[in-house]
Amino acid sequence: MDLFSIILSVVVLALVLFFVLVYNHLITARNSVDHSWSQIDVQLKKRSDLIPNLIQIVKKYLKHEEKVFTKVTEARSKLINAEKIVEKANANEELTSSLKKVFAVAEAYPKLRATENFKELQLTLSAVEEKIAYSRQFYNEAVLYYNTAIQLFPNNLIAGLLGFTRREFFEATESEKKSPKAKF
């Protein structure tokens, strides 16, 4: 074997090793995004599962508020059936808005607020909302890392060849970005 063949073999081996390392890095980043999205999905499902119980408890006290319950039920259905991240974000925002209305209406009913089931559901929903917020943050960090990894040179060459594409952030909707107005 001559010197040229040895150098060529080393260069080819180095390129193959580099390709494998970049590929594995991109797979790890993509899997992190998928995992973090599944964590959001778990929390959204948990919240969706709590809503029928909340509705049943509140319905006993608020028989004349059928419009509020309908909006919550519709928003929950949209969230369950949403497939894309943007659809889930919009449905999530709609459901959050509907739930706020339920709790606002419930404020006028001291007996309802005093029931243990209502208090427990309210606390559980609050805890789930916090987990959703944390999961969204974790997901967006994973997306940022992944998107950066596929855009950096020379990763972008390999990512382009292998079909790695940008992922969407789970962004706040326009109504979520607005500051709440304090009423005195």
N, C-alpha and C. Protein backbone atom coordinates (compact mmCIF):
# COMPACT_ATOMS: atom_id res chain seq x y z
N MET A 1 0.85 -1.17 0.00
CA MET A 1 0.00 0.00 0.00
C MET A 1 0.90 1.24 0.00
N ASP A 2 0.60 2.15 -0.86
CA ASP A 2 1.42 3.35 -0.93
C ASP A 2 0.88 4.44 -0.02
N LEU A 3 1.62 5.50 0.14
CA LEU A 3 1.28 6.59 1.05
C LEU A 3 -0.04 7.27 0.65
N PHE A 4 -0.27 7.43 -0.65
CA PHE A 4 -1.51 8.05 -1.12
C PHE A 4 -2.73 7.23 -0.70
N SER A 5 -2.66 5.94 -0.81
CA SER A 5 -3.78 5.06 -0.43
C SER A 5 -4.06 5.14 1.06
N ILE A 6 -3.01 5.23 1.84
CA ILE A 6 -3.17 5.34 3.30
C ILE A 6 -3.83 6.66 3.65
N ILE A 7 -3.36 7.74 3.06
CA ILE A 7 -3.93 9.07 3.32
C ILE A 7 -5.38 9.12 2.86
N LEU A 8 -5.66 8.57 1.71
CA LEU A 8 -7.03 8.54 1.19
C LEU A 8 -7.93 7.73 2.12
N SER A 9 -7.45 6.61 2.59
CA SER A 9 -8.23 5.77 3.51
C SER A 9 -8.52 6.51 4.82
N VAL A 10 -7.53 7.21 5.35
CA VAL A 10 -7.70 7.98 6.59
C VAL A 10 -8.71 9.11 6.38
N VAL A 11 -8.61 9.80 5.26
CA VAL A 11 -9.55 10.89 4.96
C VAL A 11 -10.97 10.35 4.82
N VAL A 12 -11.14 9.26 4.10
CA VAL A 12 -12.47 8.65 3.93
C VAL A 12 -13.02 8.19 5.27
N LEU A 13 -12.18 7.55 6.06
CA LEU A 13 -12.59 7.10 7.38
C LEU A 13 -12.99 8.29 8.27
N ALA A 14 -12.22 9.37 8.21
CA ALA A 14 -12.53 10.56 9.00
C ALA A 14 -13.85 11.18 8.55
N LEU A 15 -14.09 11.20 7.24
CA LEU A 15 -15.36 11.75 6.73
C LEU A 15 -16.55 10.89 7.16
N VAL A 16 -16.39 9.57 7.08
CA VAL A 16 -17.46 8.67 7.50
C VAL A 16 -17.73 8.84 8.99
N LEU A 17 -16.67 8.90 9.78
CA LEU A 17 -16.82 9.10 11.22
C LEU A 17 -17.50 10.44 11.52
N PHE A 18 -17.10 11.48 10.81
CA PHE A 18 -17.71 12.80 11.00
C PHE A 18 -19.20 12.73 10.64
N PHE A 19 -19.53 12.11 9.52
CA PHE A 19 -20.91 11.97 9.09
C PHE A 19 -21.74 11.24 10.15
N VAL A 20 -21.20 10.16 10.68
CA VAL A 20 -21.91 9.38 11.70
C VAL A 20 -22.12 10.21 12.95
N LEU A 21 -21.11 10.95 13.38
CA LEU A 21 -21.24 11.78 14.58
C LEU A 21 -22.29 12.88 14.39
N VAL A 22 -22.27 13.55 13.26
CA VAL A 22 -23.26 14.60 12.99
C VAL A 22 -24.66 13.99 12.92
N TYR A 23 -24.79 12.88 12.22
CA TYR A 23 -26.09 12.22 12.10
C TYR A 23 -26.63 11.84 13.48
N ASN A 24 -25.82 11.22 14.30
CA ASN A 24 -26.25 10.84 15.65
C ASN A 24 -26.64 12.06 16.48
N HIS A 25 -25.90 13.13 16.34
CA HIS A 25 -26.22 14.38 17.05
C HIS A 25 -27.59 14.92 16.61
N LEU A 26 -27.84 14.90 15.31
CA LEU A 26 -29.12 15.40 14.80
C LEU A 26 -30.28 14.51 15.25
N ILE A 27 -30.06 13.20 15.25
CA ILE A 27 -31.11 12.27 15.72
C ILE A 27 -31.41 12.53 17.19
N THR A 28 -30.38 12.72 17.98
CA THR A 28 -30.56 13.00 19.41
C THR A 28 -31.36 14.28 19.61
N ALA A 29 -31.02 15.32 18.86
CA ALA A 29 -31.74 16.60 18.97
C ALA A 29 -33.20 16.45 18.54
N ARG A 30 -33.43 15.73 17.45
CA ARG A 30 -34.81 15.53 16.97
C ARG A 30 -35.62 14.72 17.97
N ASN A 31 -35.03 13.69 18.54
CA ASN A 31 -35.72 12.88 19.54
C ASN A 31 -36.04 13.69 20.79
N SER A 32 -35.17 14.61 21.15
CA SER A 32 -35.43 15.49 22.29
C SER A 32 -36.66 16.36 22.03
N VAL A 33 -36.79 16.86 20.82
CA VAL A 33 -37.97 17.66 20.44
C VAL A 33 -39.22 16.79 20.52
N ASP A 34 -39.16 15.60 19.96
CA ASP A 34 -40.32 14.70 19.99
C ASP A 34 -40.71 14.34 21.43
N HIS A 35 -39.72 14.07 22.24
CA HIS A 35 -39.97 13.73 23.64
C HIS A 35 -40.60 14.91 24.38
N SER A 36 -40.05 16.08 24.18
CA SER A 36 -40.60 17.24 24.90
C SER A 36 -42.02 17.56 24.42
N TRP A 37 -42.30 17.33 23.12
CA TRP A 37 -43.68 17.53 22.64
C TRP A 37 -44.61 16.53 23.30
N SER A 38 -44.16 15.31 23.46
CA SER A 38 -45.03 14.31 24.08
C SER A 38 -45.35 14.68 25.53
N GLN A 39 -44.44 15.38 26.20
CA GLN A 39 -44.70 15.83 27.56
C GLN A 39 -45.81 16.89 27.58
N ILE A 40 -45.81 17.77 26.60
CA ILE A 40 -46.90 18.75 26.49
C ILE A 40 -48.20 18.01 26.24
N ASP A 41 -48.16 17.07 25.32
CA ASP A 41 -49.35 16.31 24.97
C ASP A 41 -49.93 15.58 26.18
N VAL A 42 -49.07 15.02 27.01
CA VAL A 42 -49.52 14.32 28.22
C VAL A 42 -50.27 15.29 29.13
N GLN A 43 -49.72 16.48 29.33
CA GLN A 43 -50.36 17.45 30.22
C GLN A 43 -51.67 17.97 29.63
N LEU A 44 -51.69 18.20 28.32
CA LEU A 44 -52.94 18.65 27.68
C LEU A 44 -54.02 17.57 27.80
N LYS A 45 -53.63 16.32 27.65
CA LYS A 45 -54.58 15.21 27.80
C LYS A 45 -55.09 15.13 29.24
N LYS A 46 -54.18 15.29 30.19
CA LYS A 46 -54.57 15.24 31.59
C LYS A 46 -55.59 16.34 31.89
N ARG A 47 -55.33 17.54 31.37
CA ARG A 47 -56.28 18.63 31.59
C ARG A 47 -57.61 18.33 30.91
N SER A 48 -57.56 17.81 29.70
CA SER A 48 -58.80 17.47 28.99
C SER A 48 -59.60 16.41 29.73
N ASP A 49 -58.91 15.48 30.37
CA ASP A 49 -59.60 14.44 31.14
C ASP A 49 -60.27 14.99 32.39
N LEU A 50 -59.76 16.08 32.95
CA LEU A 50 -60.34 16.67 34.15
C LEU A 50 -61.59 17.49 33.86
N ILE A 51 -61.69 17.99 32.65
CA ILE A 51 -62.77 18.92 32.32
C ILE A 51 -64.17 18.33 32.46
N PRO A 52 -64.44 17.11 32.01
CA PRO A 52 -65.80 16.58 32.21
C PRO A 52 -66.20 16.54 33.69
N ASN A 53 -65.26 16.22 34.58
CA ASN A 53 -65.57 16.22 36.01
C ASN A 53 -65.90 17.62 36.50
N LEU A 54 -65.13 18.59 36.05
CA LEU A 54 -65.38 19.98 36.42
C LEU A 54 -66.76 20.41 35.95
N ILE A 55 -67.07 20.09 34.71
CA ILE A 55 -68.37 20.47 34.14
C ILE A 55 -69.51 19.85 34.95
N GLN A 56 -69.40 18.59 35.31
CA GLN A 56 -70.46 17.92 36.08
C GLN A 56 -70.67 18.58 37.43
N ILE A 57 -69.60 18.92 38.09
CA ILE A 57 -69.72 19.56 39.41
C ILE A 57 -70.35 20.95 39.28
N VAL A 58 -69.87 21.71 38.33
CA VAL A 58 -70.34 23.09 38.16
C VAL A 58 -71.78 23.12 37.64
N LYS A 59 -72.16 22.17 36.79
CA LYS A 59 -73.51 22.14 36.22
C LYS A 59 -74.59 22.06 37.31
N LYS A 60 -74.29 21.38 38.38
CA LYS A 60 -75.27 21.27 39.46
C LYS A 60 -75.67 22.64 40.00
N TYR A 61 -74.73 23.56 40.00
CA TYR A 61 -74.98 24.89 40.56
C TYR A 61 -75.35 25.92 39.50
N LEU A 62 -74.90 25.71 38.27
CA LEU A 62 -75.07 26.74 37.25
C LEU A 62 -75.91 26.24 36.08
N LYS A 63 -77.10 25.82 36.35
CA LYS A 63 -77.95 25.25 35.31
C LYS A 63 -78.23 26.23 34.17
N HIS A 64 -78.24 27.51 34.45
CA HIS A 64 -78.57 28.50 33.43
C HIS A 64 -77.35 28.96 32.63
N GLU A 65 -76.20 28.39 32.86
CA GLU A 65 -74.97 28.80 32.17
C GLU A 65 -74.56 27.80 31.09
N GLU A 66 -75.52 27.27 30.38
CA GLU A 66 -75.25 26.24 29.37
C GLU A 66 -74.28 26.71 28.29
N LYS A 67 -74.33 28.00 27.93
CA LYS A 67 -73.46 28.55 26.90
C LYS A 67 -71.98 28.40 27.29
N VAL A 68 -71.67 28.62 28.56
CA VAL A 68 -70.30 28.49 29.06
C VAL A 68 -69.84 27.04 28.93
N PHE A 69 -70.69 26.09 29.30
CA PHE A 69 -70.34 24.67 29.23
C PHE A 69 -70.14 24.23 27.78
N THR A 70 -70.96 24.75 26.89
CA THR A 70 -70.85 24.40 25.48
C THR A 70 -69.50 24.85 24.94
N LYS A 71 -69.09 26.06 25.29
CA LYS A 71 -67.80 26.58 24.81
C LYS A 71 -66.64 25.74 25.33
N VAL A 72 -66.71 25.33 26.59
CA VAL A 72 -65.65 24.50 27.16
C VAL A 72 -65.60 23.16 26.45
N THR A 73 -66.74 22.56 26.24
CA THR A 73 -66.81 21.26 25.57
C THR A 73 -66.29 21.34 24.14
N GLU A 74 -66.67 22.39 23.43
CA GLU A 74 -66.19 22.57 22.05
C GLU A 74 -64.68 22.78 22.02
N ALA A 75 -64.17 23.60 22.94
CA ALA A 75 -62.73 23.86 23.00
C ALA A 75 -61.96 22.59 23.34
N ARG A 76 -62.50 21.81 24.24
CA ARG A 76 -61.86 20.53 24.61
C ARG A 76 -61.80 19.60 23.41
N SER A 77 -62.88 19.52 22.64
CA SER A 77 -62.91 18.68 21.45
C SER A 77 -61.88 19.13 20.42
N LYS A 78 -61.76 20.44 20.24
CA LYS A 78 -60.77 20.96 19.29
C LYS A 78 -59.36 20.57 19.72
N LEU A 79 -59.09 20.65 21.02
CA LEU A 79 -57.77 20.30 21.52
C LEU A 79 -57.48 18.82 21.32
N ILE A 80 -58.45 17.99 21.62
CA ILE A 80 -58.26 16.54 21.47
C ILE A 80 -58.03 16.17 20.01
N ASN A 81 -58.72 16.84 19.09
CA ASN A 81 -58.64 16.50 17.68
C ASN A 81 -57.52 17.22 16.93
N ALA A 82 -56.89 18.22 17.55
CA ALA A 82 -55.81 18.95 16.88
C ALA A 82 -54.61 18.04 16.66
N GLU A 83 -53.99 18.21 15.50
CA GLU A 83 -52.83 17.37 15.18
C GLU A 83 -51.55 18.19 15.09
N LYS A 84 -51.60 19.34 14.47
CA LYS A 84 -50.40 20.16 14.30
C LYS A 84 -50.17 21.00 15.56
N ILE A 85 -48.94 21.41 15.73
CA ILE A 85 -48.56 22.19 16.90
C ILE A 85 -49.34 23.50 16.95
N VAL A 86 -49.47 24.16 15.82
CA VAL A 86 -50.21 25.43 15.79
C VAL A 86 -51.67 25.20 16.16
N GLU A 87 -52.27 24.13 15.66
CA GLU A 87 -53.66 23.81 16.00
C GLU A 87 -53.80 23.55 17.50
N LYS A 88 -52.85 22.80 18.05
CA LYS A 88 -52.90 22.52 19.49
C LYS A 88 -52.74 23.80 20.30
N ALA A 89 -51.85 24.67 19.88
CA ALA A 89 -51.63 25.93 20.59
C ALA A 89 -52.90 26.78 20.58
N ASN A 90 -53.54 26.88 19.42
CA ASN A 90 -54.78 27.66 19.33
C ASN A 90 -55.90 27.03 20.14
N ALA A 91 -56.04 25.72 20.06
CA ALA A 91 -57.08 25.02 20.82
C ALA A 91 -56.81 25.13 22.31
N ASN A 92 -55.55 25.06 22.70
CA ASN A 92 -55.17 25.20 24.10
C ASN A 92 -55.56 26.57 24.62
N GLU A 93 -55.28 27.59 23.83
CA GLU A 93 -55.63 28.96 24.24
C GLU A 93 -57.14 29.13 24.37
N GLU A 94 -57.89 28.55 23.44
CA GLU A 94 -59.35 28.63 23.48
C GLU A 94 -59.89 27.92 24.73
N LEU A 95 -59.33 26.77 25.03
CA LEU A 95 -59.77 26.02 26.21
C LEU A 95 -59.43 26.77 27.49
N THR A 96 -58.25 27.34 27.55
CA THR A 96 -57.85 28.12 28.73
C THR A 96 -58.79 29.29 28.93
N SER A 97 -59.14 29.97 27.85
CA SER A 97 -60.07 31.10 27.92
C SER A 97 -61.45 30.64 28.41
N SER A 98 -61.91 29.50 27.90
CA SER A 98 -63.22 28.97 28.32
C SER A 98 -63.22 28.58 29.79
N LEU A 99 -62.13 27.98 30.24
CA LEU A 99 -62.04 27.60 31.65
C LEU A 99 -62.03 28.82 32.57
N LYS A 100 -61.38 29.88 32.12
CA LYS A 100 -61.37 31.12 32.92
C LYS A 100 -62.80 31.63 33.09
N LYS A 101 -63.61 31.50 32.05
CA LYS A 101 -65.00 31.94 32.14
C LYS A 101 -65.79 31.09 33.14
N VAL A 102 -65.51 29.78 33.13
CA VAL A 102 -66.19 28.89 34.09
C VAL A 102 -65.84 29.31 35.51
N PHE A 103 -64.56 29.54 35.77
CA PHE A 103 -64.15 29.92 37.12
C PHE A 103 -64.65 31.32 37.49
N ALA A 104 -64.76 32.20 36.50
CA ALA A 104 -65.30 33.54 36.77
C ALA A 104 -66.77 33.45 37.15
N VAL A 105 -67.53 32.63 36.44
CA VAL A 105 -68.94 32.44 36.76
C VAL A 105 -69.08 31.77 38.12
N ALA A 106 -68.21 30.82 38.41
CA ALA A 106 -68.26 30.09 39.68
C ALA A 106 -68.02 31.01 40.88
N GLU A 107 -67.31 32.10 40.66
CA GLU A 107 -67.04 33.05 41.75
C GLU A 107 -68.33 33.57 42.39
N ALA A 108 -69.39 33.63 41.61
CA ALA A 108 -70.65 34.15 42.11
C ALA A 108 -71.42 33.13 42.95
N TYR A 109 -70.90 31.93 43.09
CA TYR A 109 -71.60 30.87 43.81
C TYR A 109 -70.73 30.34 44.96
N PRO A 110 -70.87 30.94 46.14
CA PRO A 110 -70.04 30.54 47.28
C PRO A 110 -70.18 29.05 47.64
N LYS A 111 -71.39 28.50 47.50
CA LYS A 111 -71.58 27.08 47.84
C LYS A 111 -70.75 26.20 46.91
N LEU A 112 -70.72 26.57 45.64
CA LEU A 112 -69.94 25.81 44.67
C LEU A 112 -68.45 25.89 45.01
N ARG A 113 -67.97 27.07 45.26
CA ARG A 113 -66.54 27.25 45.58
C ARG A 113 -66.16 26.51 46.85
N ALA A 114 -67.11 26.30 47.74
CA ALA A 114 -66.83 25.65 49.03
C ALA A 114 -66.80 24.13 48.93
N THR A 115 -67.34 23.56 47.85
CA THR A 115 -67.36 22.10 47.76
C THR A 115 -65.95 21.56 47.58
N GLU A 116 -65.69 20.44 48.23
CA GLU A 116 -64.36 19.83 48.18
C GLU A 116 -64.00 19.42 46.76
N ASN A 117 -64.95 18.85 46.03
CA ASN A 117 -64.66 18.40 44.66
C ASN A 117 -64.24 19.57 43.77
N PHE A 118 -64.94 20.68 43.90
CA PHE A 118 -64.61 21.85 43.08
C PHE A 118 -63.23 22.38 43.46
N LYS A 119 -62.97 22.49 44.75
CA LYS A 119 -61.66 22.97 45.20
C LYS A 119 -60.54 22.07 44.69
N GLU A 120 -60.76 20.77 44.82
CA GLU A 120 -59.74 19.80 44.39
C GLU A 120 -59.49 19.88 42.89
N LEU A 121 -60.57 19.97 42.11
CA LEU A 121 -60.41 20.09 40.66
C LEU A 121 -59.71 21.39 40.28
N GLN A 122 -60.06 22.46 40.96
CA GLN A 122 -59.45 23.76 40.68
C GLN A 122 -57.94 23.70 40.97
N LEU A 123 -57.56 23.09 42.08
CA LEU A 123 -56.14 22.95 42.41
C LEU A 123 -55.42 22.04 41.41
N THR A 124 -56.07 20.95 41.04
CA THR A 124 -55.45 20.03 40.08
C THR A 124 -55.27 20.70 38.73
N LEU A 125 -56.29 21.41 38.27
CA LEU A 125 -56.17 22.13 36.99
C LEU A 125 -55.08 23.18 37.05
N SER A 126 -54.97 23.86 38.18
CA SER A 126 -53.92 24.86 38.33
C SER A 126 -52.54 24.21 38.25
N ALA A 127 -52.38 23.06 38.89
CA ALA A 127 -51.10 22.35 38.84
C ALA A 127 -50.79 21.88 37.42
N VAL A 128 -51.81 21.41 36.72
CA VAL A 128 -51.61 20.96 35.35
C VAL A 128 -51.23 22.13 34.45
N GLU A 129 -51.86 23.29 34.66
CA GLU A 129 -51.52 24.49 33.89
C GLU A 129 -50.05 24.85 34.07
N GLU A 130 -49.56 24.74 35.30
CA GLU A 130 -48.15 25.03 35.56
C GLU A 130 -47.25 24.03 34.84
N LYS A 131 -47.65 22.77 34.83
CA LYS A 131 -46.86 21.75 34.14
C LYS A 131 -46.88 21.98 32.63
N ILE A 132 -48.02 22.43 32.11
CA ILE A 132 -48.10 22.74 30.68
C ILE A 132 -47.14 23.88 30.35
N ALA A 133 -47.14 24.91 31.18
CA ALA A 133 -46.24 26.05 30.94
C ALA A 133 -44.78 25.60 30.97
N TYR A 134 -44.42 24.77 31.93
CA TYR A 134 -43.05 24.27 32.01
C TYR A 134 -42.73 23.40 30.80
N SER A 135 -43.65 22.54 30.42
CA SER A 135 -43.43 21.65 29.28
C SER A 135 -43.28 22.44 27.99
N ARG A 136 -44.04 23.51 27.84
CA ARG A 136 -43.91 24.37 26.66
C ARG A 136 -42.53 24.99 26.62
N GLN A 137 -42.05 25.45 27.76
CA GLN A 137 -40.73 26.05 27.83
C GLN A 137 -39.66 25.02 27.45
N PHE A 138 -39.76 23.81 28.01
CA PHE A 138 -38.80 22.75 27.72
C PHE A 138 -38.84 22.38 26.24
N TYR A 139 -40.03 22.29 25.68
CA TYR A 139 -40.19 21.97 24.26
C TYR A 139 -39.53 23.04 23.40
N ASN A 140 -39.80 24.30 23.69
CA ASN A 140 -39.24 25.38 22.89
C ASN A 140 -37.71 25.41 22.97
N GLU A 141 -37.16 25.07 24.13
CA GLU A 141 -35.70 24.98 24.25
C GLU A 141 -35.16 23.85 23.37
N ALA A 142 -35.85 22.72 23.36
CA ALA A 142 -35.43 21.58 22.53
C ALA A 142 -35.53 21.94 21.04
N VAL A 143 -36.58 22.65 20.66
CA VAL A 143 -36.75 23.08 19.27
C VAL A 143 -35.64 24.05 18.88
N LEU A 144 -35.34 24.98 19.77
CA LEU A 144 -34.26 25.93 19.49
C LEU A 144 -32.94 25.20 19.25
N TYR A 145 -32.63 24.26 20.12
CA TYR A 145 -31.39 23.50 19.99
C TYR A 145 -31.37 22.71 18.68
N TYR A 146 -32.47 22.03 18.38
CA TYR A 146 -32.57 21.22 17.16
C TYR A 146 -32.47 22.09 15.91
N ASN A 147 -33.25 23.17 15.86
CA ASN A 147 -33.23 24.05 14.69
C ASN A 147 -31.83 24.64 14.47
N THR A 148 -31.18 25.00 15.56
CA THR A 148 -29.82 25.52 15.45
C THR A 148 -28.88 24.44 14.92
N ALA A 149 -29.02 23.23 15.44
CA ALA A 149 -28.15 22.13 15.02
C ALA A 149 -28.28 21.83 13.53
N ILE A 150 -29.47 21.90 12.98
CA ILE A 150 -29.63 21.58 11.56
C ILE A 150 -29.25 22.75 10.66
N GLN A 151 -29.08 23.95 11.23
CA GLN A 151 -28.73 25.10 10.42
C GLN A 151 -27.23 25.41 10.42
N LEU A 152 -26.52 24.91 11.41
CA LEU A 152 -25.09 25.19 11.50
C LEU A 152 -24.32 24.44 10.42
N PHE A 153 -23.29 25.09 9.92
CA PHE A 153 -22.40 24.44 8.96
C PHE A 153 -21.40 23.60 9.72
N PRO A 154 -21.10 22.45 9.32
CA PRO A 154 -21.47 21.68 8.14
C PRO A 154 -22.67 20.76 8.37
N ASN A 155 -23.27 20.84 9.60
CA ASN A 155 -24.45 20.01 9.89
C ASN A 155 -25.55 20.22 8.85
N ASN A 156 -25.70 21.47 8.38
CA ASN A 156 -26.78 21.77 7.45
C ASN A 156 -26.66 20.97 6.15
N LEU A 157 -25.45 20.62 5.76
CA LEU A 157 -25.27 19.81 4.55
C LEU A 157 -25.82 18.41 4.76
N ILE A 158 -25.49 17.83 5.89
CA ILE A 158 -25.95 16.48 6.20
C ILE A 158 -27.45 16.49 6.50
N ALA A 159 -27.90 17.49 7.26
CA ALA A 159 -29.32 17.60 7.60
C ALA A 159 -30.17 17.73 6.34
N GLY A 160 -29.70 18.55 5.39
CA GLY A 160 -30.43 18.72 4.14
C GLY A 160 -30.50 17.43 3.34
N LEU A 161 -29.39 16.70 3.29
CA LEU A 161 -29.36 15.44 2.55
C LEU A 161 -30.29 14.40 3.15
N LEU A 162 -30.42 14.42 4.47
CA LEU A 162 -31.19 13.38 5.16
C LEU A 162 -32.61 13.81 5.52
N GLY A 163 -33.02 14.99 5.10
CA GLY A 163 -34.41 15.42 5.28
C GLY A 163 -34.77 15.95 6.66
N PHE A 164 -33.80 16.40 7.42
CA PHE A 164 -34.10 17.03 8.71
C PHE A 164 -34.66 18.42 8.42
N THR A 165 -35.83 18.71 8.95
CA THR A 165 -36.46 20.01 8.70
C THR A 165 -36.73 20.74 10.01
N ARG A 166 -36.90 22.04 9.90
CA ARG A 166 -37.16 22.87 11.07
C ARG A 166 -38.45 22.44 11.76
N ARG A 167 -38.48 22.65 13.05
CA ARG A 167 -39.68 22.38 13.85
C ARG A 167 -40.27 23.71 14.29
N GLU A 168 -41.57 23.70 14.55
CA GLU A 168 -42.27 24.90 14.99
C GLU A 168 -42.18 25.05 16.50
N PHE A 169 -42.08 26.29 16.94
CA PHE A 169 -42.14 26.58 18.37
C PHE A 169 -43.60 26.53 18.81
N PHE A 170 -43.83 26.26 20.07
CA PHE A 170 -45.17 26.30 20.65
C PHE A 170 -45.30 27.71 21.22
N GLU A 171 -45.74 28.62 20.38
CA GLU A 171 -45.76 30.04 20.73
C GLU A 171 -47.10 30.46 21.32
N ALA A 172 -47.02 31.52 22.07
CA ALA A 172 -48.23 32.12 22.62
C ALA A 172 -49.04 32.71 21.48
N THR A 173 -50.34 32.60 21.58
CA THR A 173 -51.21 33.19 20.57
C THR A 173 -51.30 34.70 20.84
N GLU A 174 -51.89 35.40 19.91
CA GLU A 174 -51.99 36.86 20.04
C GLU A 174 -52.73 37.27 21.31
N SER A 175 -53.80 36.57 21.64
CA SER A 175 -54.57 36.95 22.84
C SER A 175 -53.78 36.64 24.12
N GLU A 176 -52.92 35.61 24.08
CA GLU A 176 -52.10 35.30 25.25
C GLU A 176 -51.00 36.33 25.46
N LYS A 177 -50.58 36.99 24.37
CA LYS A 177 -49.52 37.99 24.46
C LYS A 177 -50.00 39.31 25.06
N LYS A 178 -51.31 39.55 25.00
CA LYS A 178 -51.86 40.79 25.53
C LYS A 178 -51.82 40.79 27.04
N SER A 179 -51.51 41.94 27.59
CA SER A 179 -51.52 42.06 29.05
C SER A 179 -52.95 42.10 29.56
N PRO A 180 -53.23 41.40 30.65
CA PRO A 180 -54.59 41.46 31.18
C PRO A 180 -54.88 42.85 31.72
N LYS A 181 -56.10 43.26 31.57
CA LYS A 181 -56.52 44.58 32.04
C LYS A 181 -57.10 44.44 33.45
N ALA A 182 -56.53 45.18 34.37
CA ALA A 182 -57.02 45.15 35.73
C ALA A 182 -58.28 46.02 35.83
N LYS A 183 -59.30 45.48 36.48
CA LYS A 183 -60.55 46.22 36.66
C LYS A 183 -60.73 46.48 38.15
N PHE A 184 -60.94 47.72 38.48
CA PHE A 184 -61.14 48.10 39.88
C PHE A 184 -62.53 48.66 40.09
